Amino acid sequence: MQTTKQLSKYDKKVKIRRMTVLSVFILLILLTLIISVNIGAIRLSPAELLQTLIGRGTAQQNLILFEFRLPRIVISILVGAGLAVSGCILQGISRNPLADPGILGITTGAGLTIVLCMTFYPPNQDIPVLLLPFLSLIGGVITAAIIYALSYKKQEGLLPNRLILTGIAVAAGISAIMMVISLRLPPEKYDVLAVWLAGRIWGTEWRFVLTLLPWIVILLPYVFSKARTMDALSFGDSLATSLGVPVEKERLKLLAVAVGLAASCVSVSGGIGFVGLIGPHLARRLIGSGHRLLLPASAIAGALLLIVADTIGKAILQPSEIPAGVIVAIIGAPYFLYLLSRSAA
């Protein structure tokens, strides 16, 4: 009886701690949002921001907030959430804590199709925005299929270590191809590619938000509904099969969703890496490994990470800026090496 009461108290404490962590993450996102809208030549105080949001701002304040700054902030939040959940899926289905759409080359493969279209598209026209996620998806799916095929053994299943090594090798090869193709681009399109490769949030208009939003709204709830399946897959193929989970079928479904999230996100944000690595790891340390809470916590952590990185990048060298992808890489590269050393040990 005493043990049952102690377990009940422990469960309550764990739930309170988890809800506190999620609440703090959300509050930090809101705080960063307020700071981010004030970075620029013209500042908006919290009072002016509130007045503008409720429709009482001046024409200049409306233009600054709704046309210039808010779309970029929304894109940062959506992209951060999408990439983090994509990384959480990849880590779960491969049982490898180093899995990430950037490290595995999925984002690079998604970018390759965009570069190819830039090469063959009429030089005086831009690629339609709504077409970008589908172009990225083609490259991401082909890359993921190659990596999956090279990392899978019929008797042993998906090999986690081979997955990472194969992904790094494929990403390096695709990057080399992209550099060769980019030499043929006209200067104005090469500038767009350079911004994309640096990981700068370049989709700063509402049309980019509307392009990305359906992918996030459809795919994230589907992933959240698969939390129990991911819990089973994390225990290994044999145990998952004994629990009645069709392992290969579910793994391929989740892999397709991870690729869809990563490809759609990078199509409007550029080649931002490590968000899918750091977000899930941060959430797992604070929330636990159960995917019912881990997936939404990863989304919130990823959104926080990218909006903070973008805000720091805009603030350091005003009026110039450092791409958010560079800021994330400065944090993510040492963290990746740390995880690599731990897994090797």
Protein backbone atom coordinates (compact mmCIF):
# COMPACT_ATOMS: atom_id res chain seq x y z
CA MET A 1 0.00 0.00 0.00
CA GLN A 2 2.79 2.37 0.95
CA THR A 3 4.67 1.53 -2.23
CA THR A 4 1.58 2.29 -4.34
CA LYS A 5 1.20 5.70 -2.66
CA GLN A 6 4.88 6.46 -3.22
CA LEU A 7 4.59 5.54 -6.90
CA SER A 8 1.49 7.72 -7.21
CA LYS A 9 3.32 10.69 -5.66
CA TYR A 10 6.30 10.07 -7.94
CA ASP A 11 4.06 9.99 -11.02
CA LYS A 12 2.46 13.27 -9.97
CA LYS A 13 5.85 14.89 -9.53
CA VAL A 14 6.99 13.65 -12.93
CA LYS A 15 3.83 14.99 -14.61
CA ILE A 16 4.20 18.37 -12.90
CA ARG A 17 7.86 18.58 -13.93
CA ARG A 18 7.04 17.71 -17.52
CA MET A 19 4.24 20.26 -17.74
CA THR A 20 6.53 22.86 -16.15
CA VAL A 21 9.24 22.18 -18.74
CA LEU A 22 6.76 22.51 -21.63
CA SER A 23 5.33 25.72 -20.14
CA VAL A 24 8.80 27.22 -19.74
CA PHE A 25 9.64 26.36 -23.36
CA ILE A 26 6.47 28.07 -24.59
CA LEU A 27 7.10 31.14 -22.43
CA LEU A 28 10.66 31.36 -23.77
CA ILE A 29 9.31 31.22 -27.34
CA LEU A 30 6.93 34.11 -26.57
CA LEU A 31 9.73 36.09 -24.92
CA THR A 32 12.05 35.51 -27.87
CA LEU A 33 9.25 36.52 -30.24
CA ILE A 34 8.89 39.87 -28.45
CA ILE A 35 12.65 40.40 -28.60
CA SER A 36 12.82 39.38 -32.26
CA VAL A 37 10.16 41.85 -33.44
CA ASN A 38 12.20 44.65 -31.80
CA ILE A 39 15.39 43.87 -33.70
CA GLY A 40 15.79 46.25 -36.61
CA ALA A 41 16.13 49.91 -37.51
CA ILE A 42 12.69 50.65 -36.00
CA ARG A 43 11.79 49.18 -32.64
CA LEU A 44 8.36 48.19 -31.34
CA SER A 45 7.85 48.34 -27.59
CA PRO A 46 5.69 45.63 -25.95
CA ALA A 47 2.85 48.16 -25.69
CA GLU A 48 3.15 49.10 -29.38
CA LEU A 49 3.35 45.43 -30.29
CA LEU A 50 0.14 44.68 -28.39
CA GLN A 51 -1.65 47.67 -29.94
CA THR A 52 -0.55 46.59 -33.42
CA LEU A 53 -1.70 43.01 -32.84
CA ILE A 54 -5.19 44.16 -31.82
CA GLY A 55 -5.45 46.47 -34.84
CA ARG A 56 -4.61 49.84 -33.25
CA GLY A 57 -1.13 50.30 -34.65
CA THR A 58 -0.02 52.90 -37.18
CA ALA A 59 0.39 52.06 -40.86
CA GLN A 60 4.17 51.92 -40.37
CA GLN A 61 3.88 49.59 -37.36
CA ASN A 62 1.50 47.31 -39.25
CA LEU A 63 3.88 47.15 -42.19
CA ILE A 64 6.91 46.39 -40.01
CA LEU A 65 5.18 43.74 -37.90
CA PHE A 66 2.86 41.96 -40.30
CA GLU A 67 4.81 42.20 -43.55
CA PHE A 68 8.48 42.21 -42.54
CA ARG A 69 9.03 40.56 -39.15
CA LEU A 70 6.14 38.30 -38.17
CA PRO A 71 6.24 36.03 -41.27
CA ARG A 72 9.91 35.27 -40.64
CA ILE A 73 9.25 34.50 -36.98
CA VAL A 74 6.35 32.17 -37.84
CA ILE A 75 8.52 30.42 -40.45
CA SER A 76 11.28 29.95 -37.84
CA ILE A 77 8.84 28.38 -35.38
CA LEU A 78 7.28 26.06 -37.98
CA VAL A 79 10.63 25.01 -39.45
CA GLY A 80 12.17 24.40 -36.03
CA ALA A 81 9.21 22.25 -34.98
CA GLY A 82 9.18 20.30 -38.25
CA LEU A 83 12.92 19.57 -38.31
CA ALA A 84 12.98 18.55 -34.63
CA VAL A 85 10.09 16.12 -35.04
CA SER A 86 11.72 14.75 -38.20
CA GLY A 87 14.90 14.13 -36.20
CA CYS A 88 12.93 12.53 -33.37
CA ILE A 89 11.31 10.13 -35.84
CA LEU A 90 14.65 9.20 -37.41
CA GLN A 91 16.23 8.61 -34.00
CA GLY A 92 13.28 6.46 -32.96
CA ILE A 93 12.99 4.21 -36.02
CA SER A 94 16.77 3.75 -36.35
CA ARG A 95 17.47 3.52 -32.60
CA ASN A 96 20.42 5.81 -33.22
CA PRO A 97 20.73 9.02 -31.14
CA LEU A 98 22.89 10.62 -33.86
CA ALA A 99 20.20 10.46 -36.56
CA ASP A 100 19.22 13.85 -37.97
CA PRO A 101 17.83 14.86 -41.40
CA GLY A 102 20.84 17.10 -41.97
CA ILE A 103 23.49 14.61 -40.89
CA LEU A 104 21.84 11.83 -42.89
CA GLY A 105 21.85 13.96 -46.03
CA ILE A 106 18.07 14.16 -46.46
CA THR A 107 18.07 17.97 -46.40
CA THR A 108 21.01 18.04 -48.83
CA GLY A 109 19.18 15.73 -51.21
CA ALA A 110 16.09 17.93 -50.94
CA GLY A 111 18.22 20.94 -51.84
CA LEU A 112 19.73 19.20 -54.86
CA THR A 113 16.40 19.05 -56.70
CA ILE A 114 15.87 22.78 -56.07
CA VAL A 115 19.33 23.52 -57.48
CA LEU A 116 18.60 21.37 -60.54
CA CYS A 117 15.35 23.23 -61.14
CA MET A 118 17.16 26.56 -60.78
CA THR A 119 19.57 25.40 -63.47
CA PHE A 120 16.92 24.45 -66.01
CA TYR A 121 14.22 26.98 -65.11
CA PRO A 122 13.97 30.10 -67.34
CA PRO A 123 16.57 32.61 -66.09
CA ASN A 124 14.10 35.50 -65.91
CA GLN A 125 11.55 33.59 -63.78
CA ASP A 126 11.41 32.32 -60.22
CA ILE A 127 10.27 28.81 -59.28
CA PRO A 128 6.65 28.95 -57.97
CA VAL A 129 6.66 28.93 -54.18
CA LEU A 130 3.99 26.22 -53.90
CA LEU A 131 6.15 23.94 -56.03
CA LEU A 132 9.20 24.15 -53.73
CA PRO A 133 8.12 21.56 -51.08
CA PHE A 134 7.25 19.02 -53.77
CA LEU A 135 10.61 19.51 -55.50
CA SER A 136 12.37 19.12 -52.15
CA LEU A 137 10.31 16.03 -51.37
CA ILE A 138 11.47 14.31 -54.57
CA GLY A 139 15.13 14.80 -53.66
CA GLY A 140 14.56 13.89 -50.03
CA VAL A 141 12.72 10.67 -50.86
CA ILE A 142 15.35 9.52 -53.36
CA THR A 143 18.16 10.27 -50.88
CA ALA A 144 16.35 8.53 -48.00
CA ALA A 145 15.67 5.48 -50.19
CA ILE A 146 19.36 5.18 -51.13
CA ILE A 147 20.50 5.54 -47.52
CA TYR A 148 17.87 3.09 -46.25
CA ALA A 149 18.77 0.48 -48.88
CA LEU A 150 22.49 0.74 -48.12
CA SER A 151 21.92 0.58 -44.34
CA TYR A 152 19.51 -2.36 -44.28
CA LYS A 153 20.39 -6.04 -43.98
CA LYS A 154 17.72 -8.67 -44.45
CA GLN A 155 18.76 -10.74 -41.44
CA GLU A 156 19.70 -7.88 -39.11
CA GLY A 157 17.31 -5.08 -40.11
CA LEU A 158 18.32 -1.42 -40.13
CA LEU A 159 21.90 -1.03 -38.87
CA PRO A 160 22.18 2.20 -36.80
CA ASN A 161 25.93 2.78 -37.23
CA ARG A 162 25.87 2.05 -40.94
CA LEU A 163 22.93 4.45 -41.28
CA ILE A 164 24.98 7.39 -39.98
CA LEU A 165 28.10 6.56 -42.00
CA THR A 166 26.09 6.03 -45.17
CA GLY A 167 24.19 9.27 -44.62
CA ILE A 168 27.37 11.28 -44.14
CA ALA A 169 28.93 9.77 -47.28
CA VAL A 170 25.81 10.38 -49.40
CA ALA A 171 25.50 13.96 -48.08
CA ALA A 172 29.13 14.65 -49.00
CA GLY A 173 28.59 13.32 -52.51
CA ILE A 174 25.43 15.37 -53.04
CA SER A 175 27.13 18.52 -51.72
CA ALA A 176 29.91 18.04 -54.28
CA ILE A 177 27.33 17.65 -57.07
CA MET A 178 25.55 20.81 -55.90
CA MET A 179 28.77 22.81 -55.98
CA VAL A 180 29.51 21.67 -59.54
CA ILE A 181 25.99 22.52 -60.71
CA SER A 182 26.05 25.89 -58.95
CA LEU A 183 28.97 27.00 -61.11
CA ARG A 184 26.59 27.03 -64.08
CA LEU A 185 24.03 29.26 -62.38
CA PRO A 186 23.69 32.94 -63.30
CA PRO A 187 24.87 35.35 -60.57
CA GLU A 188 21.37 36.21 -59.26
CA LYS A 189 20.41 32.54 -58.85
CA TYR A 190 23.80 31.67 -57.39
CA ASP A 191 23.16 34.29 -54.70
CA VAL A 192 19.88 32.55 -53.83
CA LEU A 193 21.70 29.22 -53.60
CA ALA A 194 24.43 30.70 -51.40
CA VAL A 195 21.78 32.01 -48.99
CA TRP A 196 20.07 28.59 -49.00
CA LEU A 197 23.32 26.72 -48.29
CA ALA A 198 24.15 29.07 -45.41
CA GLY A 199 20.86 28.21 -43.70
CA ARG A 200 19.37 31.68 -43.69
CA ILE A 201 15.60 31.98 -43.23
CA TRP A 202 14.91 33.30 -46.72
CA GLY A 203 11.15 32.64 -46.88
CA THR A 204 10.10 35.86 -45.15
CA GLU A 205 6.66 36.41 -46.69
CA TRP A 206 3.23 35.04 -45.81
CA ARG A 207 3.12 33.03 -49.04
CA PHE A 208 5.99 30.91 -47.68
CA VAL A 209 4.08 30.41 -44.42
CA LEU A 210 1.01 29.29 -46.36
CA THR A 211 3.21 26.95 -48.41
CA LEU A 212 4.68 25.23 -45.36
CA LEU A 213 1.68 25.29 -43.02
CA PRO A 214 -0.38 22.46 -44.63
CA TRP A 215 2.59 20.08 -44.38
CA ILE A 216 3.05 20.84 -40.68
CA VAL A 217 -0.69 20.76 -39.87
CA ILE A 218 -1.19 17.39 -41.59
CA LEU A 219 2.03 15.54 -40.77
CA LEU A 220 2.58 16.50 -37.12
CA PRO A 221 -0.78 15.18 -35.83
CA TYR A 222 -0.22 11.97 -37.79
CA VAL A 223 3.18 11.48 -36.11
CA PHE A 224 1.72 12.23 -32.68
CA SER A 225 -0.90 9.52 -33.27
CA LYS A 226 1.94 7.04 -33.88
CA ALA A 227 3.57 7.59 -30.46
CA ARG A 228 2.83 4.04 -29.21
CA THR A 229 4.15 2.53 -32.43
CA MET A 230 7.38 4.49 -32.04
CA ASP A 231 7.67 3.34 -28.43
CA ALA A 232 7.44 -0.25 -29.64
CA LEU A 233 9.98 0.29 -32.44
CA SER A 234 12.46 1.79 -29.99
CA PHE A 235 12.62 -1.57 -28.16
CA GLY A 236 13.86 -3.40 -31.27
CA ASP A 237 12.33 -5.21 -34.21
CA SER A 238 11.82 -8.54 -32.42
CA LEU A 239 9.92 -7.11 -29.46
CA ALA A 240 7.91 -4.76 -31.69
CA THR A 241 6.88 -7.71 -33.86
CA SER A 242 5.86 -9.71 -30.79
CA LEU A 243 3.65 -6.76 -29.78
CA GLY A 244 1.85 -6.99 -33.12
CA VAL A 245 3.51 -4.07 -34.87
CA PRO A 246 4.16 -4.54 -38.63
CA VAL A 247 7.71 -3.26 -38.27
CA GLU A 248 8.78 -2.61 -41.87
CA LYS A 249 5.44 -1.14 -42.89
CA GLU A 250 5.33 1.28 -39.95
CA ARG A 251 9.00 2.16 -40.26
CA LEU A 252 8.60 3.09 -43.93
CA LYS A 253 5.51 5.18 -43.14
CA LEU A 254 7.33 7.08 -40.41
CA LEU A 255 10.41 7.49 -42.60
CA ALA A 256 8.22 8.99 -45.34
CA VAL A 257 6.73 11.44 -42.82
CA ALA A 258 10.19 12.40 -41.52
CA VAL A 259 11.38 13.05 -45.08
CA GLY A 260 8.22 15.05 -45.85
CA LEU A 261 8.71 17.25 -42.79
CA ALA A 262 12.41 17.84 -43.45
CA ALA A 263 11.98 18.49 -47.18
CA SER A 264 9.08 20.91 -46.78
CA CYS A 265 10.91 22.82 -44.03
CA VAL A 266 14.21 23.27 -45.86
CA SER A 267 12.41 24.32 -49.05
CA VAL A 268 11.52 27.63 -47.35
CA SER A 269 14.33 27.94 -44.82
CA GLY A 270 17.52 26.68 -46.46
CA GLY A 271 19.98 24.03 -45.37
CA ILE A 272 19.66 24.29 -41.60
CA GLY A 273 21.24 21.36 -39.79
CA PHE A 274 21.40 20.02 -36.22
CA VAL A 275 17.92 21.22 -35.16
CA GLY A 276 16.70 17.65 -35.65
CA LEU A 277 19.56 16.44 -33.44
CA ILE A 278 19.52 18.94 -30.58
CA GLY A 279 15.73 19.42 -30.23
CA PRO A 280 14.86 15.75 -29.54
CA HIS A 281 17.89 15.28 -27.26
CA LEU A 282 16.99 18.33 -25.18
CA ALA A 283 13.37 17.17 -24.94
CA ARG A 284 14.37 13.60 -24.06
CA ARG A 285 16.61 14.76 -21.21
CA LEU A 286 13.87 16.92 -19.69
CA ILE A 287 10.71 14.97 -20.56
CA GLY A 288 11.75 11.33 -20.89
CA SER A 289 11.76 8.81 -23.73
CA GLY A 290 8.02 8.14 -24.04
CA HIS A 291 7.02 9.43 -27.48
CA ARG A 292 3.56 10.59 -26.38
CA LEU A 293 5.18 13.64 -24.79
CA LEU A 294 8.58 13.44 -26.45
CA LEU A 295 7.25 14.27 -29.94
CA PRO A 296 5.39 17.48 -28.98
CA ALA A 297 8.22 18.45 -26.62
CA SER A 298 10.71 18.01 -29.48
CA ALA A 299 8.57 20.25 -31.68
CA ILE A 300 8.50 22.98 -29.03
CA ALA A 301 12.24 22.62 -28.30
CA GLY A 302 13.09 22.79 -32.01
CA ALA A 303 10.91 25.87 -32.48
CA LEU A 304 12.61 27.54 -29.51
CA LEU A 305 16.09 26.64 -30.75
CA LEU A 306 15.57 28.04 -34.25
CA ILE A 307 13.79 31.24 -33.26
CA VAL A 308 16.54 31.94 -30.69
CA ALA A 309 19.24 31.22 -33.30
CA ASP A 310 17.56 33.50 -35.85
CA THR A 311 17.14 36.25 -33.26
CA ILE A 312 20.80 36.03 -32.21
CA GLY A 313 21.88 36.05 -35.86
CA LYS A 314 19.91 39.23 -36.52
CA ALA A 315 21.11 40.98 -33.36
CA ILE A 316 24.88 40.39 -33.41
CA LEU A 317 25.94 42.24 -36.57
CA GLN A 318 23.19 44.77 -37.23
CA PRO A 319 22.30 45.84 -39.90
CA SER A 320 23.93 42.70 -41.34
CA GLU A 321 23.06 39.28 -39.97
CA ILE A 322 24.47 35.81 -39.40
CA PRO A 323 22.33 33.01 -40.92
CA ALA A 324 20.40 30.99 -38.34
CA GLY A 325 21.96 27.82 -39.77
CA VAL A 326 25.42 29.08 -38.82
CA ILE A 327 24.34 29.83 -35.24
CA VAL A 328 22.76 26.38 -34.89
CA ALA A 329 25.86 24.75 -36.39
CA ILE A 330 28.09 26.52 -33.86
CA ILE A 331 26.03 24.87 -31.12
CA GLY A 332 25.29 21.61 -32.91
CA ALA A 333 28.70 20.58 -34.24
CA PRO A 334 30.36 20.28 -30.79
CA TYR A 335 27.24 18.57 -29.45
CA PHE A 336 27.35 16.05 -32.31
CA LEU A 337 31.02 15.29 -31.57
CA TYR A 338 30.15 14.86 -27.90
CA LEU A 339 27.39 12.37 -28.72
CA LEU A 340 29.68 10.60 -31.19
CA SER A 341 32.37 10.17 -28.52
CA ARG A 342 29.82 8.81 -26.07
CA SER A 343 28.39 6.32 -28.56
CA ALA A 344 31.92 5.18 -29.50
CA ALA A 345 32.76 4.64 -25.84
